[in-house]
Amino acid sequence: MEISWNSRQHQQSQRGGLVNFSKSLIDGNFLEFKTTSAASKMRPYQLFQVSNRAKFLALFDESLVDLKCTLIFLLLQEDQLILARASITCFDETPLHVACMLGHVPFAKALLAHKRDLAMELDSQGRVPLHLASANGYVELARELLQSDPLACLVHDEDGRTPLHLATMKGRINIVIELVKARPEVAEHRLSHGQTALHLGVRHNRLETLKVLVEMVGDGDLVNAQDDEGNTILHLAA
């Protein structure tokens, strides 16, 4: 598939053109994505208005991973504060949140290489990027984020859930292993009704995940912990 990019301003393939093109994403201009393919005979173009969250979603296409990383490096050479400014504007999420939502490892690595504290930035729902990587089961992304800041796995979102809570609810066993290895105490964190990740494993019928948690925790007090209604995991399983 041949892909050409057009915006309201003339874009060239040289370095300056790429930088200006990338900045147009952040400025929220209209972008035209023109695709041609003799095999698929797709419609000749799609037009997107790039704004807030969509401006970063526009960067994500599997065939353009290397280009996106190159654009990040070019932008940072031109403006070393661009990621810092993105973190304090009114976006619903940072570019790293979007990368973790969609599972784009190279793009996430490029962002973390220049600004590691993006791993602890919150989106509009109080989630760090690790919440999204954990819920979606992206193990390599989770490892990268934990290397940047292991404390990310202890962050509670606006619903009181840690990345471990989400991973357990979704049955993401490999994520659960990474999170508990990074910070074993995360298994002790509770939701507002006193539920631990073990309670969630039973409630959501994630029995294999629960088995892994029990083996890793190895804490009788936690295994027998009660929620606010007095239920242990054995009560819930009955």
Protein backbone atom coordinates (compact mmCIF):
# COMPACT_ATOMS: atom_id res chain seq x y z
CA MET A 1 0.00 0.00 0.00
CA GLU A 2 1.32 3.41 -0.96
CA ILE A 3 0.62 6.07 1.64
CA SER A 4 0.88 9.78 1.04
CA TRP A 5 0.27 12.52 3.60
CA ASN A 6 -1.26 15.92 2.89
CA SER A 7 -2.11 18.79 5.22
CA ARG A 8 -3.19 22.36 4.74
CA GLN A 9 0.40 23.39 4.51
CA HIS A 10 2.78 21.99 1.91
CA GLN A 11 4.73 19.06 3.40
CA GLN A 12 8.02 17.85 2.04
CA SER A 13 9.77 14.57 2.71
CA GLN A 14 12.87 16.37 3.95
CA ARG A 15 13.65 16.85 7.63
CA GLY A 16 12.03 20.27 7.91
CA GLY A 17 8.89 19.02 6.25
CA LEU A 18 8.62 16.08 8.63
CA VAL A 19 9.02 18.32 11.63
CA ASN A 20 6.37 20.73 10.38
CA PHE A 21 4.08 17.83 9.57
CA SER A 22 4.50 16.39 13.06
CA LYS A 23 3.85 19.75 14.66
CA SER A 24 0.65 20.03 12.64
CA LEU A 25 -0.59 16.93 14.46
CA ILE A 26 -0.06 18.61 17.79
CA ASP A 27 -1.53 21.90 16.59
CA GLY A 28 -4.72 20.07 15.59
CA ASN A 29 -4.83 20.77 11.84
CA PHE A 30 -6.85 18.78 9.36
CA LEU A 31 -4.94 15.86 7.88
CA GLU A 32 -5.78 13.95 4.77
CA PHE A 33 -4.75 10.30 4.70
CA LYS A 34 -4.57 9.21 1.09
CA THR A 35 -4.21 5.48 0.48
CA THR A 36 -3.98 3.69 -2.87
CA SER A 37 -3.78 -0.04 -3.46
CA ALA A 38 -4.39 -1.90 -6.71
CA ALA A 39 -5.01 -5.12 -4.80
CA SER A 40 -7.49 -3.90 -2.25
CA LYS A 41 -9.05 -1.09 -4.34
CA MET A 42 -9.76 0.86 -1.21
CA ARG A 43 -11.50 4.20 -1.32
CA PRO A 44 -8.97 6.83 -2.34
CA TYR A 45 -8.95 8.84 0.87
CA GLN A 46 -10.27 9.40 4.33
CA LEU A 47 -10.35 12.77 5.98
CA PHE A 48 -9.92 13.15 9.71
CA GLN A 49 -10.09 16.21 11.89
CA VAL A 50 -7.18 15.77 14.26
CA SER A 51 -7.93 17.14 17.71
CA ASN A 52 -7.07 16.17 21.28
CA ARG A 53 -7.03 12.36 21.51
CA ALA A 54 -7.52 11.85 17.77
CA LYS A 55 -4.40 13.84 16.91
CA PHE A 56 -2.29 11.12 18.48
CA LEU A 57 -4.44 8.25 17.24
CA ALA A 58 -3.63 9.53 13.75
CA LEU A 59 -0.01 8.54 14.30
CA PHE A 60 -0.80 4.89 14.89
CA ASP A 61 -0.76 2.58 11.91
CA GLU A 62 1.21 -0.67 11.88
CA SER A 63 2.89 0.15 8.57
CA LEU A 64 4.31 3.42 9.91
CA VAL A 65 5.90 2.45 13.24
CA ASP A 66 9.44 3.39 12.16
CA LEU A 67 8.24 6.71 10.75
CA LYS A 68 6.43 7.59 13.95
CA CYS A 69 9.52 6.94 16.04
CA THR A 70 11.58 9.02 13.61
CA LEU A 71 9.07 11.86 13.90
CA ILE A 72 9.31 11.75 17.68
CA PHE A 73 13.10 12.04 17.51
CA LEU A 74 12.89 14.90 15.02
CA LEU A 75 10.36 16.75 17.13
CA LEU A 76 12.48 16.38 20.24
CA GLN A 77 15.52 17.69 18.40
CA GLU A 78 13.52 20.76 17.42
CA ASP A 79 11.74 21.21 20.75
CA GLN A 80 12.98 19.28 23.79
CA LEU A 81 10.02 20.45 25.88
CA ILE A 82 7.28 19.16 23.60
CA LEU A 83 6.54 16.07 25.73
CA ALA A 84 6.59 18.12 28.91
CA ARG A 85 4.01 20.49 27.44
CA ALA A 86 1.86 17.58 26.25
CA SER A 87 1.75 16.33 29.84
CA ILE A 88 0.27 19.54 31.23
CA THR A 89 -2.24 20.42 28.53
CA CYS A 90 -5.90 19.45 28.52
CA PHE A 91 -5.55 16.16 26.66
CA ASP A 92 -7.59 13.26 28.00
CA GLU A 93 -4.45 11.15 27.83
CA THR A 94 -0.77 11.49 26.93
CA PRO A 95 0.76 10.00 23.78
CA LEU A 96 2.09 7.19 26.01
CA HIS A 97 -1.44 6.34 27.16
CA VAL A 98 -2.48 5.99 23.52
CA ALA A 99 0.55 3.83 22.72
CA CYS A 100 -0.30 1.55 25.64
CA MET A 101 -3.94 1.37 24.66
CA LEU A 102 -3.03 0.24 21.15
CA GLY A 103 0.01 -1.89 22.00
CA HIS A 104 2.66 0.05 20.09
CA VAL A 105 5.89 -0.98 21.79
CA PRO A 106 8.46 0.92 19.62
CA PHE A 107 6.53 4.17 19.94
CA ALA A 108 6.20 3.75 23.71
CA LYS A 109 9.91 3.00 24.03
CA ALA A 110 10.76 6.13 22.06
CA LEU A 111 8.61 8.25 24.37
CA LEU A 112 10.00 6.70 27.56
CA ALA A 113 13.57 7.09 26.33
CA HIS A 114 13.09 10.88 26.30
CA LYS A 115 10.73 11.30 29.25
CA ARG A 116 10.60 8.39 31.65
CA ASP A 117 8.23 10.12 34.05
CA LEU A 118 5.48 9.82 31.44
CA ALA A 119 5.00 6.40 33.04
CA MET A 120 3.43 8.12 36.05
CA GLU A 121 1.23 10.62 34.19
CA LEU A 122 -2.52 10.28 34.81
CA ASP A 123 -5.25 10.41 32.19
CA SER A 124 -8.73 11.85 32.75
CA GLN A 125 -9.76 8.68 34.61
CA GLY A 126 -6.78 8.70 36.95
CA ARG A 127 -5.00 5.89 35.11
CA VAL A 128 -1.29 5.63 34.44
CA PRO A 129 -0.26 4.01 31.12
CA LEU A 130 0.37 0.75 32.99
CA HIS A 131 -3.37 0.47 33.69
CA LEU A 132 -4.02 0.34 29.94
CA ALA A 133 -1.15 -2.00 29.10
CA SER A 134 -2.23 -4.33 31.91
CA ALA A 135 -5.91 -4.40 30.97
CA ASN A 136 -5.03 -5.16 27.35
CA GLY A 137 -2.43 -7.81 28.17
CA TYR A 138 0.58 -6.11 26.58
CA VAL A 139 3.37 -7.83 28.52
CA GLU A 140 6.34 -6.17 26.80
CA LEU A 141 4.82 -2.74 27.33
CA ALA A 142 4.15 -3.54 30.98
CA ARG A 143 7.79 -4.51 31.46
CA GLU A 144 8.99 -1.27 29.89
CA LEU A 145 6.71 0.79 32.11
CA LEU A 146 7.74 -1.08 35.25
CA GLN A 147 11.39 -0.50 34.39
CA SER A 148 10.67 3.20 34.10
CA ASP A 149 8.90 3.31 37.46
CA PRO A 150 7.83 0.21 39.43
CA LEU A 151 5.61 2.42 41.61
CA ALA A 152 3.23 2.72 38.65
CA CYS A 153 1.70 -0.62 39.63
CA LEU A 154 0.58 0.86 42.97
CA VAL A 155 -1.44 3.70 41.45
CA HIS A 156 -5.23 3.59 41.93
CA ASP A 157 -7.47 5.01 39.20
CA GLU A 158 -10.64 7.01 39.94
CA ASP A 159 -12.47 3.73 40.60
CA GLY A 160 -9.82 2.63 43.08
CA ARG A 161 -8.33 -0.02 40.79
CA THR A 162 -4.63 -0.76 40.42
CA PRO A 163 -3.18 -2.29 37.25
CA LEU A 164 -3.22 -5.63 39.11
CA HIS A 165 -6.97 -5.33 39.73
CA LEU A 166 -7.56 -4.78 36.00
CA ALA A 167 -5.20 -7.55 34.93
CA THR A 168 -6.90 -9.98 37.31
CA MET A 169 -10.39 -9.03 36.14
CA LYS A 170 -9.30 -9.60 32.52
CA GLY A 171 -7.43 -12.82 33.26
CA ARG A 172 -4.07 -11.46 32.06
CA ILE A 173 -1.92 -14.05 33.83
CA ASN A 174 1.45 -12.94 32.42
CA ILE A 175 0.73 -9.35 33.40
CA VAL A 176 -0.23 -10.45 36.92
CA ILE A 177 3.12 -12.23 37.22
CA GLU A 178 5.07 -9.13 36.13
CA LEU A 179 3.18 -6.81 38.48
CA VAL A 180 3.51 -8.99 41.56
CA LYS A 181 7.20 -9.62 40.84
CA ALA A 182 7.81 -5.87 40.56
CA ARG A 183 5.94 -4.90 43.75
CA PRO A 184 4.60 -7.85 45.78
CA GLU A 185 2.71 -5.51 48.12
CA VAL A 186 0.36 -4.56 45.28
CA ALA A 187 -1.60 -7.75 46.05
CA GLU A 188 -2.61 -6.17 49.37
CA HIS A 189 -4.26 -3.14 47.77
CA ARG A 190 -8.04 -3.11 48.07
CA LEU A 191 -10.99 -1.60 46.27
CA SER A 192 -13.46 0.64 48.08
CA HIS A 193 -15.47 -2.38 49.31
CA GLY A 194 -12.39 -4.09 50.71
CA GLN A 195 -11.88 -6.46 47.81
CA THR A 196 -8.37 -7.60 46.96
CA ALA A 197 -7.21 -8.87 43.58
CA LEU A 198 -7.90 -12.36 44.91
CA HIS A 199 -11.56 -11.50 45.52
CA LEU A 200 -11.75 -10.16 41.96
CA GLY A 201 -10.25 -13.37 40.59
CA VAL A 202 -13.14 -15.32 42.12
CA ARG A 203 -15.86 -12.80 41.22
CA HIS A 204 -14.79 -12.70 37.57
CA ASN A 205 -14.25 -16.46 37.38
CA ARG A 206 -10.54 -16.08 36.59
CA LEU A 207 -9.55 -19.25 38.41
CA GLU A 208 -6.19 -19.77 36.66
CA THR A 209 -5.26 -16.17 37.44
CA LEU A 210 -6.36 -16.68 41.03
CA LYS A 211 -4.20 -19.80 41.30
CA VAL A 212 -1.14 -17.86 40.12
CA LEU A 213 -1.87 -15.05 42.57
CA VAL A 214 -2.22 -17.41 45.53
CA GLU A 215 1.04 -19.17 44.62
CA MET A 216 2.94 -15.90 44.23
CA VAL A 217 1.54 -14.20 47.31
CA GLY A 218 2.01 -17.15 49.65
CA ASP A 219 0.43 -15.15 52.47
CA GLY A 220 -2.21 -16.96 54.49
CA ASP A 221 -3.53 -13.72 55.95
CA LEU A 222 -4.10 -12.27 52.49
CA VAL A 223 -5.64 -15.46 51.15
CA ASN A 224 -8.05 -15.45 54.09
CA ALA A 225 -8.66 -11.69 53.99
CA GLN A 226 -12.27 -10.53 54.24
CA ASP A 227 -13.91 -7.81 52.19
CA ASP A 228 -16.21 -5.26 53.83
CA GLU A 229 -19.07 -7.79 53.79
CA GLY A 230 -17.00 -10.39 55.60
CA ASN A 231 -16.40 -12.53 52.52
CA THR A 232 -13.16 -14.41 51.98
CA ILE A 233 -12.33 -15.87 48.59
CA LEU A 234 -13.59 -19.23 49.90
CA HIS A 235 -16.98 -17.68 50.72
CA LEU A 236 -17.22 -16.22 47.23
CA ALA A 237 -16.20 -19.49 45.59
CA ALA A 238 -18.82 -21.52 47.49
